[in-house]
């Protein structure tokens, strides 16, 4: 549940703050929890988009 909330916050920070988006997406993707494959792929995609924006 925590990872999903972090992922949604990363999506909300999309254009406003790429550094925050990157931090949130990395935390969601690599946190101490196990994500379902779809959610993990989405978190990794957000991380990649944040890297492009920074």
PDB file of N, CA and C in Angstrom:
ATOM      1  N   UNK A   1       0.817  -1.191   0.000  1.00  0.00           N
ATOM      2  CA  UNK A   1       0.000   0.000   0.000  1.00  0.00           C
ATOM      3  C   UNK A   1       0.866   1.262   0.000  1.00  0.00           C
ATOM      4  N   UNK A   2       1.952   1.236   0.761  1.00  0.00           N
ATOM      5  CA  UNK A   2       2.826   2.400   0.817  1.00  0.00           C
ATOM      6  C   UNK A   2       3.436   2.697  -0.548  1.00  0.00           C
ATOM      7  N   UNK A   3       3.820   1.647  -1.251  1.00  0.00           N
ATOM      8  CA  UNK A   3       4.431   1.825  -2.565  1.00  0.00           C
ATOM      9  C   UNK A   3       3.447   2.447  -3.549  1.00  0.00           C
ATOM     10  N   UNK A   4       2.193   2.056  -3.480  1.00  0.00           N
ATOM     11  CA  UNK A   4       1.187   2.613  -4.383  1.00  0.00           C
ATOM     12  C   UNK A   4       0.978   4.100  -4.125  1.00  0.00           C
ATOM     13  N   UNK A   5       0.977   4.481  -2.868  1.00  0.00           N
ATOM     14  CA  UNK A   5       0.821   5.899  -2.527  1.00  0.00           C
ATOM     15  C   UNK A   5       2.026   6.694  -3.017  1.00  0.00           C
ATOM     16  N   UNK A   6       3.228   6.152  -2.816  1.00  0.00           N
ATOM     17  CA  UNK A   6       4.437   6.828  -3.304  1.00  0.00           C
ATOM     18  C   UNK A   6       4.419   6.960  -4.821  1.00  0.00           C
ATOM     19  N   UNK A   7       3.948   5.924  -5.485  1.00  0.00           N
ATOM     20  CA  UNK A   7       3.869   5.956  -6.942  1.00  0.00           C
ATOM     21  C   UNK A   7       2.899   7.024  -7.423  1.00  0.00           C
ATOM     22  N   UNK A   8       1.755   7.140  -6.777  1.00  0.00           N
ATOM     23  CA  UNK A   8       0.779   8.176  -7.159  1.00  0.00           C
ATOM     24  C   UNK A   8       1.325   9.576  -6.901  1.00  0.00           C
ATOM     25  N   UNK A   9       2.062   9.742  -5.815  1.00  0.00           N
ATOM     26  CA  UNK A   9       2.680  11.034  -5.546  1.00  0.00           C
ATOM     27  C   UNK A   9       3.741  11.360  -6.590  1.00  0.00           C
ATOM     28  N   UNK A  10       4.468  10.363  -7.029  1.00  0.00           N
ATOM     29  CA  UNK A  10       5.474  10.564  -8.080  1.00  0.00           C
ATOM     30  C   UNK A  10       4.798  11.000  -9.375  1.00  0.00           C
ATOM     31  N   UNK A  11       3.666  10.409  -9.680  1.00  0.00           N
ATOM     32  CA  UNK A  11       2.942  10.797 -10.887  1.00  0.00           C
ATOM     33  C   UNK A  11       2.416  12.221 -10.770  1.00  0.00           C
ATOM     34  N   UNK A  12       2.027  12.626  -9.587  1.00  0.00           N
ATOM     35  CA  UNK A  12       1.509  13.978  -9.380  1.00  0.00           C
ATOM     36  C   UNK A  12       2.623  15.018  -9.502  1.00  0.00           C
ATOM     37  N   UNK A  13       3.840  14.655  -9.160  1.00  0.00           N
ATOM     38  CA  UNK A  13       4.972  15.577  -9.223  1.00  0.00           C
ATOM     39  C   UNK A  13       5.623  15.578 -10.606  1.00  0.00           C
ATOM     40  N   UNK A  14       4.977  14.992 -11.569  1.00  0.00           N
ATOM     41  CA  UNK A  14       5.543  14.745 -12.894  1.00  0.00           C
ATOM     42  C   UNK A  14       6.266  15.944 -13.494  1.00  0.00           C
ATOM     43  N   UNK A  15       5.614  17.033 -13.695  1.00  0.00           N
ATOM     44  CA  UNK A  15       6.222  18.179 -14.376  1.00  0.00           C
ATOM     45  C   UNK A  15       6.776  19.231 -13.414  1.00  0.00           C
ATOM     46  N   UNK A  16       6.222  19.289 -12.231  1.00  0.00           N
ATOM     47  CA  UNK A  16       6.589  20.346 -11.295  1.00  0.00           C
ATOM     48  C   UNK A  16       7.967  20.159 -10.686  1.00  0.00           C
ATOM     49  N   UNK A  17       8.291  18.939 -10.292  1.00  0.00           N
ATOM     50  CA  UNK A  17       9.531  18.698  -9.566  1.00  0.00           C
ATOM     51  C   UNK A  17      10.107  17.328  -9.944  1.00  0.00           C
ATOM     52  N   UNK A  18      10.909  17.265 -11.015  1.00  0.00           N
ATOM     53  CA  UNK A  18      11.448  15.974 -11.468  1.00  0.00           C
ATOM     54  C   UNK A  18      12.330  15.283 -10.424  1.00  0.00           C
ATOM     55  N   UNK A  19      13.049  16.049  -9.604  1.00  0.00           N
ATOM     56  CA  UNK A  19      13.910  15.435  -8.590  1.00  0.00           C
ATOM     57  C   UNK A  19      13.066  14.716  -7.533  1.00  0.00           C
ATOM     58  N   UNK A  20      11.966  15.341  -7.130  1.00  0.00           N
ATOM     59  CA  UNK A  20      11.060  14.702  -6.158  1.00  0.00           C
ATOM     60  C   UNK A  20      10.400  13.484  -6.788  1.00  0.00           C
ATOM     61  N   UNK A  21      10.036  13.600  -8.049  1.00  0.00           N
ATOM     62  CA  UNK A  21       9.432  12.477  -8.752  1.00  0.00           C
ATOM     63  C   UNK A  21      10.397  11.290  -8.774  1.00  0.00           C
ATOM     64  N   UNK A  22      11.670  11.565  -9.033  1.00  0.00           N
ATOM     65  CA  UNK A  22      12.672  10.511  -9.067  1.00  0.00           C
ATOM     66  C   UNK A  22      12.815   9.853  -7.696  1.00  0.00           C
ATOM     67  N   UNK A  23      12.874  10.650  -6.667  1.00  0.00           N
ATOM     68  CA  UNK A  23      13.021  10.117  -5.309  1.00  0.00           C
ATOM     69  C   UNK A  23      11.823   9.245  -4.924  1.00  0.00           C
ATOM     70  N   UNK A  24      10.635   9.715  -5.203  1.00  0.00           N
ATOM     71  CA  UNK A  24       9.432   8.947  -4.869  1.00  0.00           C
ATOM     72  C   UNK A  24       9.346   7.659  -5.677  1.00  0.00           C
ATOM     73  N   UNK A  25       9.653   7.730  -6.954  1.00  0.00           N
ATOM     74  CA  UNK A  25       9.583   6.537  -7.804  1.00  0.00           C
ATOM     75  C   UNK A  25      10.627   5.505  -7.386  1.00  0.00           C
ATOM     76  N   UNK A  26      11.832   5.958  -7.054  1.00  0.00           N
ATOM     77  CA  UNK A  26      12.869   5.024  -6.600  1.00  0.00           C
ATOM     78  C   UNK A  26      12.462   4.359  -5.291  1.00  0.00           C
ATOM     79  N   UNK A  27      11.898   5.133  -4.392  1.00  0.00           N
ATOM     80  CA  UNK A  27      11.465   4.570  -3.115  1.00  0.00           C
ATOM     81  C   UNK A  27      10.347   3.557  -3.332  1.00  0.00           C
ATOM     82  N   UNK A  28       9.426   3.864  -4.217  1.00  0.00           N
ATOM     83  CA  UNK A  28       8.326   2.931  -4.491  1.00  0.00           C
ATOM     84  C   UNK A  28       8.843   1.641  -5.129  1.00  0.00           C
ATOM     85  N   UNK A  29       9.787   1.764  -6.054  1.00  0.00           N
ATOM     86  CA  UNK A  29      10.281   0.592  -6.780  1.00  0.00           C
ATOM     87  C   UNK A  29      11.229  -0.265  -5.949  1.00  0.00           C
ATOM     88  N   UNK A  30      12.007   0.360  -5.092  1.00  0.00           N
ATOM     89  CA  UNK A  30      13.069  -0.376  -4.402  1.00  0.00           C
ATOM     90  C   UNK A  30      12.908  -0.385  -2.882  1.00  0.00           C
ATOM     91  N   UNK A  31      11.701  -0.203  -2.418  1.00  0.00           N
ATOM     92  CA  UNK A  31      11.457  -0.190  -0.977  1.00  0.00           C
ATOM     93  C   UNK A  31      11.505  -1.595  -0.384  1.00  0.00           C
ATOM     94  N   UNK A  32      11.238  -1.701   0.895  1.00  0.00           N
ATOM     95  CA  UNK A  32      11.318  -3.001   1.576  1.00  0.00           C
ATOM     96  C   UNK A  32      10.099  -3.900   1.339  1.00  0.00           C
ATOM     97  N   UNK A  33       9.294  -3.619   0.358  1.00  0.00           N
ATOM     98  CA  UNK A  33       8.082  -4.384   0.089  1.00  0.00           C
ATOM     99  C   UNK A  33       8.182  -5.079  -1.257  1.00  0.00           C
ATOM    100  N   UNK A  34       7.272  -5.998  -1.487  1.00  0.00           N
ATOM    101  CA  UNK A  34       7.181  -6.683  -2.769  1.00  0.00           C
ATOM    102  C   UNK A  34       5.991  -6.118  -3.527  1.00  0.00           C
ATOM    103  N   UNK A  35       6.259  -5.668  -4.735  1.00  0.00           N
ATOM    104  CA  UNK A  35       5.187  -5.125  -5.574  1.00  0.00           C
ATOM    105  C   UNK A  35       4.733  -6.180  -6.572  1.00  0.00           C
ATOM    106  N   UNK A  36       3.463  -6.147  -6.940  1.00  0.00           N
ATOM    107  CA  UNK A  36       3.025  -6.992  -8.050  1.00  0.00           C
ATOM    108  C   UNK A  36       3.754  -6.550  -9.321  1.00  0.00           C
ATOM    109  N   UNK A  37       3.911  -7.431 -10.295  1.00  0.00           N
ATOM    110  CA  UNK A  37       4.671  -7.091 -11.505  1.00  0.00           C
ATOM    111  C   UNK A  37       4.193  -5.826 -12.210  1.00  0.00           C
ATOM    112  N   UNK A  38       2.890  -5.624 -12.280  1.00  0.00           N
ATOM    113  CA  UNK A  38       2.366  -4.442 -12.966  1.00  0.00           C
ATOM    114  C   UNK A  38       2.752  -3.156 -12.235  1.00  0.00           C
ATOM    115  N   UNK A  39       2.613  -3.157 -10.928  1.00  0.00           N
ATOM    116  CA  UNK A  39       2.954  -1.971 -10.139  1.00  0.00           C
ATOM    117  C   UNK A  39       4.456  -1.709 -10.169  1.00  0.00           C
ATOM    118  N   UNK A  40       5.264  -2.767 -10.134  1.00  0.00           N
ATOM    119  CA  UNK A  40       6.722  -2.604 -10.206  1.00  0.00           C
ATOM    120  C   UNK A  40       7.124  -2.008 -11.549  1.00  0.00           C
ATOM    121  N   UNK A  41       6.516  -2.488 -12.620  1.00  0.00           N
ATOM    122  CA  UNK A  41       6.814  -1.945 -13.944  1.00  0.00           C
ATOM    123  C   UNK A  41       6.432  -0.476 -14.038  1.00  0.00           C
ATOM    124  N   UNK A  42       5.315  -0.121 -13.455  1.00  0.00           N
ATOM    125  CA  UNK A  42       4.868   1.273 -13.458  1.00  0.00           C
ATOM    126  C   UNK A  42       5.827   2.160 -12.658  1.00  0.00           C
ATOM    127  N   UNK A  43       6.296   1.669 -11.518  1.00  0.00           N
ATOM    128  CA  UNK A  43       7.240   2.434 -10.701  1.00  0.00           C
ATOM    129  C   UNK A  43       8.567   2.619 -11.436  1.00  0.00           C
ATOM    130  N   UNK A  44       9.042   1.578 -12.093  1.00  0.00           N
ATOM    131  CA  UNK A  44      10.293   1.678 -12.848  1.00  0.00           C
ATOM    132  C   UNK A  44      10.144   2.626 -14.040  1.00  0.00           C
ATOM    133  N   UNK A  45       8.975   2.624 -14.654  1.00  0.00           N
ATOM    134  CA  UNK A  45       8.720   3.549 -15.761  1.00  0.00           C
ATOM    135  C   UNK A  45       8.719   4.992 -15.268  1.00  0.00           C
ATOM    136  N   UNK A  46       8.124   5.256 -14.108  1.00  0.00           N
ATOM    137  CA  UNK A  46       8.132   6.601 -13.532  1.00  0.00           C
ATOM    138  C   UNK A  46       9.570   7.029 -13.208  1.00  0.00           C
ATOM    139  N   UNK A  47      10.349   6.083 -12.718  1.00  0.00           N
ATOM    140  CA  UNK A  47      11.752   6.379 -12.407  1.00  0.00           C
ATOM    141  C   UNK A  47      12.501   6.761 -13.677  1.00  0.00           C
ATOM    142  N   UNK A  48      12.259   6.028 -14.752  1.00  0.00           N
ATOM    143  CA  UNK A  48      12.920   6.339 -16.024  1.00  0.00           C
ATOM    144  C   UNK A  48      12.491   7.701 -16.562  1.00  0.00           C
ATOM    145  N   UNK A  49      11.214   8.028 -16.459  1.00  0.00           N
ATOM    146  CA  UNK A  49      10.739   9.333 -16.923  1.00  0.00           C
ATOM    147  C   UNK A  49      11.349  10.461 -16.109  1.00  0.00           C
ATOM    148  N   UNK A  50      11.495  10.245 -14.814  1.00  0.00           N
ATOM    149  CA  UNK A  50      12.107  11.275 -13.961  1.00  0.00           C
ATOM    150  C   UNK A  50      13.569  11.471 -14.329  1.00  0.00           C
ATOM    151  N   UNK A  51      14.254  10.395 -14.650  1.00  0.00           N
ATOM    152  CA  UNK A  51      15.654  10.523 -15.073  1.00  0.00           C
ATOM    153  C   UNK A  51      15.771  11.314 -16.372  1.00  0.00           C
ATOM    154  N   UNK A  52      14.835  11.121 -17.267  1.00  0.00           N
ATOM    155  CA  UNK A  52      14.843  11.873 -18.526  1.00  0.00           C
ATOM    156  C   UNK A  52      14.610  13.356 -18.259  1.00  0.00           C
ATOM    157  N   UNK A  53      13.702  13.667 -17.343  1.00  0.00           N
ATOM    158  CA  UNK A  53      13.393  15.052 -17.052  1.00  0.00           C
ATOM    159  C   UNK A  53      14.515  15.762 -16.304  1.00  0.00           C
ATOM    160  N   UNK A  54      15.300  15.017 -15.549  1.00  0.00           N
ATOM    161  CA  UNK A  54      16.394  15.656 -14.832  1.00  0.00           C
ATOM    162  C   UNK A  54      17.599  15.665 -15.715  1.00  0.00           C
TER     163      UNK A  54
END
